[in-house]
Amino acid sequence: MEEYHNVYPVIDERVRIGPPYLTRYERARIIGVRAFQITMGVPPLVSPEVVGSKDPVDIARYEVDHGILPVSVFRYHTSGYGQAIPLKVLLDLGMKLGVRY
């Protein structure tokens, strides 16, 4: 019997790879990519009036800090194992630990 593997990563609520919060490097990368998307014409997920600025970086920072973006951070381990962790989970765990950006 053949085994079929799902091509999409399984999302797990427990963080098994890396720190249990969003690192500053992951945060910077997500903000940068999202700001670039907004600059290229992708509509923001929040109104600029709510953010108080029309600057794409400010809008992207607001979306990341409030967990509005539906993205997952994929972390790899040296053994070849990987884990997809939702942004909201990393932000919630970071708040519990008192991580400040």
N, C-alpha and C. Protein backbone atom coordinates (compact mmCIF):
# COMPACT_ATOMS: atom_id res chain seq x y z
N MET A 1 0.84 -1.18 0.00
CA MET A 1 0.00 0.00 0.00
C MET A 1 0.89 1.25 0.00
N GLU A 2 0.60 2.17 -0.88
CA GLU A 2 1.39 3.38 -0.98
C GLU A 2 1.00 4.38 0.10
N GLU A 3 1.99 5.08 0.57
CA GLU A 3 1.72 6.13 1.53
C GLU A 3 1.69 7.46 0.80
N TYR A 4 0.70 8.25 1.09
CA TYR A 4 0.61 9.57 0.50
C TYR A 4 0.94 10.60 1.56
N HIS A 5 1.79 11.54 1.19
CA HIS A 5 2.20 12.58 2.13
C HIS A 5 1.56 13.89 1.70
N ASN A 6 1.12 14.63 2.67
CA ASN A 6 0.53 15.92 2.40
C ASN A 6 1.63 16.89 2.00
N VAL A 7 1.43 17.64 0.94
CA VAL A 7 2.45 18.58 0.48
C VAL A 7 2.44 19.86 1.30
N TYR A 8 1.39 20.10 2.06
CA TYR A 8 1.31 21.30 2.88
C TYR A 8 1.83 20.99 4.29
N PRO A 9 2.53 21.93 4.91
CA PRO A 9 3.03 21.68 6.26
C PRO A 9 1.88 21.59 7.27
N VAL A 10 2.05 20.74 8.25
CA VAL A 10 1.07 20.60 9.31
C VAL A 10 1.31 21.71 10.33
N ILE A 11 0.26 22.43 10.67
CA ILE A 11 0.38 23.53 11.62
C ILE A 11 0.16 22.97 13.01
N ASP A 12 1.12 23.23 13.88
CA ASP A 12 1.08 22.73 15.24
C ASP A 12 1.05 23.92 16.19
N GLU A 13 0.26 23.84 17.22
CA GLU A 13 0.15 24.94 18.18
C GLU A 13 1.33 24.99 19.14
N ARG A 14 2.07 23.89 19.28
CA ARG A 14 3.23 23.88 20.18
C ARG A 14 4.48 24.21 19.39
N VAL A 15 5.29 25.07 19.95
CA VAL A 15 6.53 25.45 19.28
C VAL A 15 7.61 24.46 19.68
N ARG A 16 8.10 23.71 18.70
CA ARG A 16 9.12 22.69 18.98
C ARG A 16 10.49 23.11 18.47
N ILE A 17 10.53 24.06 17.55
CA ILE A 17 11.80 24.51 16.98
C ILE A 17 11.96 25.99 17.26
N GLY A 18 13.06 26.34 17.83
CA GLY A 18 13.36 27.75 18.08
C GLY A 18 12.66 28.29 19.31
N PRO A 19 12.81 29.58 19.55
CA PRO A 19 12.20 30.18 20.73
C PRO A 19 10.68 30.24 20.60
N PRO A 20 9.96 30.24 21.72
CA PRO A 20 8.50 30.25 21.67
C PRO A 20 7.92 31.65 21.46
N TYR A 21 8.58 32.45 20.66
CA TYR A 21 8.09 33.79 20.35
C TYR A 21 8.64 34.19 18.98
N LEU A 22 8.11 35.25 18.43
CA LEU A 22 8.57 35.75 17.14
C LEU A 22 9.88 36.48 17.35
N THR A 23 10.93 36.05 16.67
CA THR A 23 12.22 36.71 16.84
C THR A 23 12.22 38.04 16.10
N ARG A 24 13.16 38.90 16.44
CA ARG A 24 13.20 40.21 15.80
C ARG A 24 13.55 40.08 14.31
N TYR A 25 14.27 39.03 13.96
CA TYR A 25 14.63 38.81 12.56
C TYR A 25 13.41 38.35 11.75
N GLU A 26 12.63 37.46 12.33
CA GLU A 26 11.40 37.01 11.66
C GLU A 26 10.43 38.17 11.52
N ARG A 27 10.32 38.97 12.57
CA ARG A 27 9.42 40.13 12.56
C ARG A 27 9.85 41.12 11.48
N ALA A 28 11.15 41.41 11.41
CA ALA A 28 11.65 42.34 10.40
C ALA A 28 11.41 41.82 8.99
N ARG A 29 11.60 40.54 8.78
CA ARG A 29 11.40 39.96 7.45
C ARG A 29 9.93 40.04 7.04
N ILE A 30 9.02 39.72 7.95
CA ILE A 30 7.60 39.75 7.64
C ILE A 30 7.15 41.19 7.37
N ILE A 31 7.61 42.13 8.18
CA ILE A 31 7.24 43.54 7.97
C ILE A 31 7.78 44.02 6.62
N GLY A 32 9.02 43.68 6.30
CA GLY A 32 9.60 44.10 5.03
C GLY A 32 8.87 43.56 3.82
N VAL A 33 8.55 42.28 3.86
CA VAL A 33 7.84 41.66 2.73
C VAL A 33 6.44 42.25 2.60
N ARG A 34 5.77 42.42 3.73
CA ARG A 34 4.40 42.97 3.69
C ARG A 34 4.40 44.42 3.22
N ALA A 35 5.37 45.22 3.66
CA ALA A 35 5.46 46.62 3.21
C ALA A 35 5.70 46.67 1.70
N PHE A 36 6.54 45.76 1.19
CA PHE A 36 6.79 45.69 -0.25
C PHE A 36 5.51 45.34 -0.99
N GLN A 37 4.73 44.40 -0.46
CA GLN A 37 3.47 44.03 -1.09
C GLN A 37 2.52 45.22 -1.15
N ILE A 38 2.42 45.96 -0.05
CA ILE A 38 1.54 47.13 -0.01
C ILE A 38 2.01 48.18 -1.01
N THR A 39 3.33 48.37 -1.11
CA THR A 39 3.90 49.31 -2.08
C THR A 39 3.55 48.91 -3.51
N MET A 40 3.51 47.61 -3.78
CA MET A 40 3.21 47.12 -5.12
C MET A 40 1.72 47.12 -5.45
N GLY A 41 0.88 47.54 -4.51
CA GLY A 41 -0.54 47.68 -4.81
C GLY A 41 -1.48 46.69 -4.14
N VAL A 42 -0.96 45.77 -3.35
CA VAL A 42 -1.82 44.84 -2.63
C VAL A 42 -2.56 45.63 -1.54
N PRO A 43 -3.88 45.49 -1.46
CA PRO A 43 -4.60 46.28 -0.45
C PRO A 43 -4.26 45.85 0.98
N PRO A 44 -4.10 46.82 1.87
CA PRO A 44 -3.82 46.47 3.26
C PRO A 44 -5.02 45.82 3.92
N LEU A 45 -4.77 45.05 4.96
CA LEU A 45 -5.84 44.36 5.68
C LEU A 45 -6.47 45.24 6.75
N VAL A 46 -5.95 46.42 6.93
CA VAL A 46 -6.47 47.37 7.90
C VAL A 46 -6.47 48.75 7.25
N SER A 47 -7.43 49.57 7.61
CA SER A 47 -7.54 50.90 7.04
C SER A 47 -6.40 51.80 7.50
N PRO A 48 -5.83 52.60 6.60
CA PRO A 48 -4.76 53.53 7.02
C PRO A 48 -5.21 54.52 8.10
N GLU A 49 -6.51 54.81 8.15
CA GLU A 49 -7.02 55.71 9.19
C GLU A 49 -6.89 55.08 10.58
N VAL A 50 -7.03 53.77 10.66
CA VAL A 50 -6.87 53.06 11.94
C VAL A 50 -5.42 53.13 12.39
N VAL A 51 -4.50 52.97 11.44
CA VAL A 51 -3.07 53.00 11.74
C VAL A 51 -2.62 54.41 12.06
N GLY A 52 -3.21 55.39 11.38
CA GLY A 52 -2.82 56.78 11.58
C GLY A 52 -1.71 57.21 10.63
N SER A 53 -1.45 56.40 9.61
CA SER A 53 -0.39 56.71 8.66
C SER A 53 -0.68 55.98 7.35
N LYS A 54 -0.19 56.56 6.26
CA LYS A 54 -0.32 55.90 4.95
C LYS A 54 0.99 55.25 4.54
N ASP A 55 1.99 55.31 5.40
CA ASP A 55 3.29 54.71 5.11
C ASP A 55 3.15 53.18 5.12
N PRO A 56 3.59 52.50 4.05
CA PRO A 56 3.47 51.04 3.99
C PRO A 56 4.17 50.31 5.14
N VAL A 57 5.29 50.84 5.61
CA VAL A 57 6.00 50.19 6.72
C VAL A 57 5.18 50.29 8.01
N ASP A 58 4.56 51.43 8.26
CA ASP A 58 3.72 51.59 9.45
C ASP A 58 2.51 50.67 9.39
N ILE A 59 1.91 50.56 8.21
CA ILE A 59 0.74 49.68 8.04
C ILE A 59 1.16 48.22 8.25
N ALA A 60 2.29 47.82 7.66
CA ALA A 60 2.77 46.44 7.81
C ALA A 60 3.12 46.15 9.26
N ARG A 61 3.75 47.10 9.94
CA ARG A 61 4.10 46.92 11.36
C ARG A 61 2.83 46.73 12.20
N TYR A 62 1.80 47.51 11.92
CA TYR A 62 0.53 47.39 12.65
C TYR A 62 -0.10 46.02 12.41
N GLU A 63 -0.09 45.58 11.14
CA GLU A 63 -0.68 44.28 10.82
C GLU A 63 0.05 43.14 11.53
N VAL A 64 1.37 43.22 11.59
CA VAL A 64 2.14 42.16 12.25
C VAL A 64 1.94 42.22 13.76
N ASP A 65 2.07 43.40 14.36
CA ASP A 65 1.98 43.52 15.81
C ASP A 65 0.61 43.15 16.37
N HIS A 66 -0.43 43.29 15.58
CA HIS A 66 -1.78 42.95 16.04
C HIS A 66 -2.24 41.58 15.55
N GLY A 67 -1.36 40.84 14.88
CA GLY A 67 -1.68 39.47 14.47
C GLY A 67 -2.75 39.40 13.40
N ILE A 68 -2.85 40.42 12.57
CA ILE A 68 -3.89 40.47 11.54
C ILE A 68 -3.51 39.61 10.33
N LEU A 69 -2.23 39.51 10.04
CA LEU A 69 -1.78 38.76 8.87
C LEU A 69 -2.00 37.25 9.05
N PRO A 70 -2.60 36.62 8.06
CA PRO A 70 -2.79 35.16 8.14
C PRO A 70 -1.57 34.42 7.58
N VAL A 71 -0.44 34.52 8.28
CA VAL A 71 0.78 33.87 7.83
C VAL A 71 1.31 32.94 8.90
N SER A 72 2.15 32.03 8.48
CA SER A 72 2.84 31.14 9.40
C SER A 72 4.34 31.27 9.19
N VAL A 73 5.08 31.14 10.26
CA VAL A 73 6.53 31.14 10.20
C VAL A 73 6.95 29.68 10.12
N PHE A 74 7.75 29.36 9.12
CA PHE A 74 8.22 27.98 8.97
C PHE A 74 9.66 27.92 9.46
N ARG A 75 9.90 27.12 10.48
CA ARG A 75 11.24 26.98 11.05
C ARG A 75 11.77 25.59 10.74
N TYR A 76 13.06 25.56 10.41
CA TYR A 76 13.73 24.31 10.07
C TYR A 76 14.66 23.88 11.19
N HIS A 77 14.87 22.59 11.31
CA HIS A 77 15.83 22.03 12.25
C HIS A 77 16.94 21.37 11.44
N THR A 78 18.11 21.24 12.02
CA THR A 78 19.23 20.63 11.30
C THR A 78 18.98 19.18 10.92
N SER A 79 18.07 18.52 11.61
CA SER A 79 17.76 17.13 11.29
C SER A 79 16.88 17.00 10.06
N GLY A 80 16.45 18.13 9.50
CA GLY A 80 15.57 18.09 8.35
C GLY A 80 14.11 18.26 8.70
N TYR A 81 13.81 18.26 9.99
CA TYR A 81 12.44 18.44 10.47
C TYR A 81 12.08 19.91 10.37
N GLY A 82 10.85 20.21 10.01
CA GLY A 82 10.38 21.58 9.93
C GLY A 82 9.05 21.73 10.63
N GLN A 83 8.72 22.96 10.97
CA GLN A 83 7.46 23.22 11.66
C GLN A 83 6.90 24.56 11.20
N ALA A 84 5.62 24.57 10.87
CA ALA A 84 4.91 25.80 10.53
C ALA A 84 4.18 26.28 11.77
N ILE A 85 4.46 27.52 12.18
CA ILE A 85 3.87 28.08 13.39
C ILE A 85 3.11 29.34 13.00
N PRO A 86 1.81 29.41 13.28
CA PRO A 86 1.05 30.61 12.94
C PRO A 86 1.59 31.85 13.66
N LEU A 87 1.56 32.98 12.98
CA LEU A 87 2.04 34.24 13.54
C LEU A 87 1.31 34.57 14.83
N LYS A 88 0.03 34.36 14.86
CA LYS A 88 -0.78 34.68 16.05
C LYS A 88 -0.31 33.88 17.26
N VAL A 89 0.06 32.62 17.08
CA VAL A 89 0.54 31.79 18.19
C VAL A 89 1.85 32.34 18.74
N LEU A 90 2.77 32.72 17.85
CA LEU A 90 4.05 33.27 18.30
C LEU A 90 3.86 34.60 19.02
N LEU A 91 2.94 35.42 18.54
CA LEU A 91 2.68 36.70 19.21
C LEU A 91 2.06 36.49 20.59
N ASP A 92 1.11 35.57 20.68
CA ASP A 92 0.47 35.29 21.98
C ASP A 92 1.47 34.75 23.00
N LEU A 93 2.33 33.83 22.57
CA LEU A 93 3.35 33.29 23.47
C LEU A 93 4.35 34.37 23.87
N GLY A 94 4.69 35.24 22.94
CA GLY A 94 5.60 36.34 23.24
C GLY A 94 5.01 37.31 24.25
N MET A 95 3.71 37.55 24.16
CA MET A 95 3.04 38.44 25.13
C MET A 95 3.07 37.82 26.52
N LYS A 96 2.86 36.51 26.60
CA LYS A 96 2.89 35.83 27.89
C LYS A 96 4.29 35.88 28.52
N LEU A 97 5.31 35.83 27.66
CA LEU A 97 6.69 35.86 28.14
C LEU A 97 7.21 37.28 28.35
N GLY A 98 6.46 38.27 27.91
CA GLY A 98 6.87 39.65 28.08
C GLY A 98 7.90 40.12 27.07
N VAL A 99 7.91 39.53 25.88
CA VAL A 99 8.87 39.93 24.85
C VAL A 99 8.46 41.27 24.29
N ARG A 100 9.43 42.18 24.19
CA ARG A 100 9.18 43.52 23.64
C ARG A 100 10.03 43.69 22.39
N TYR A 101 9.42 44.30 21.39
CA TYR A 101 10.14 44.52 20.12
C TYR A 101 10.54 45.94 20.06
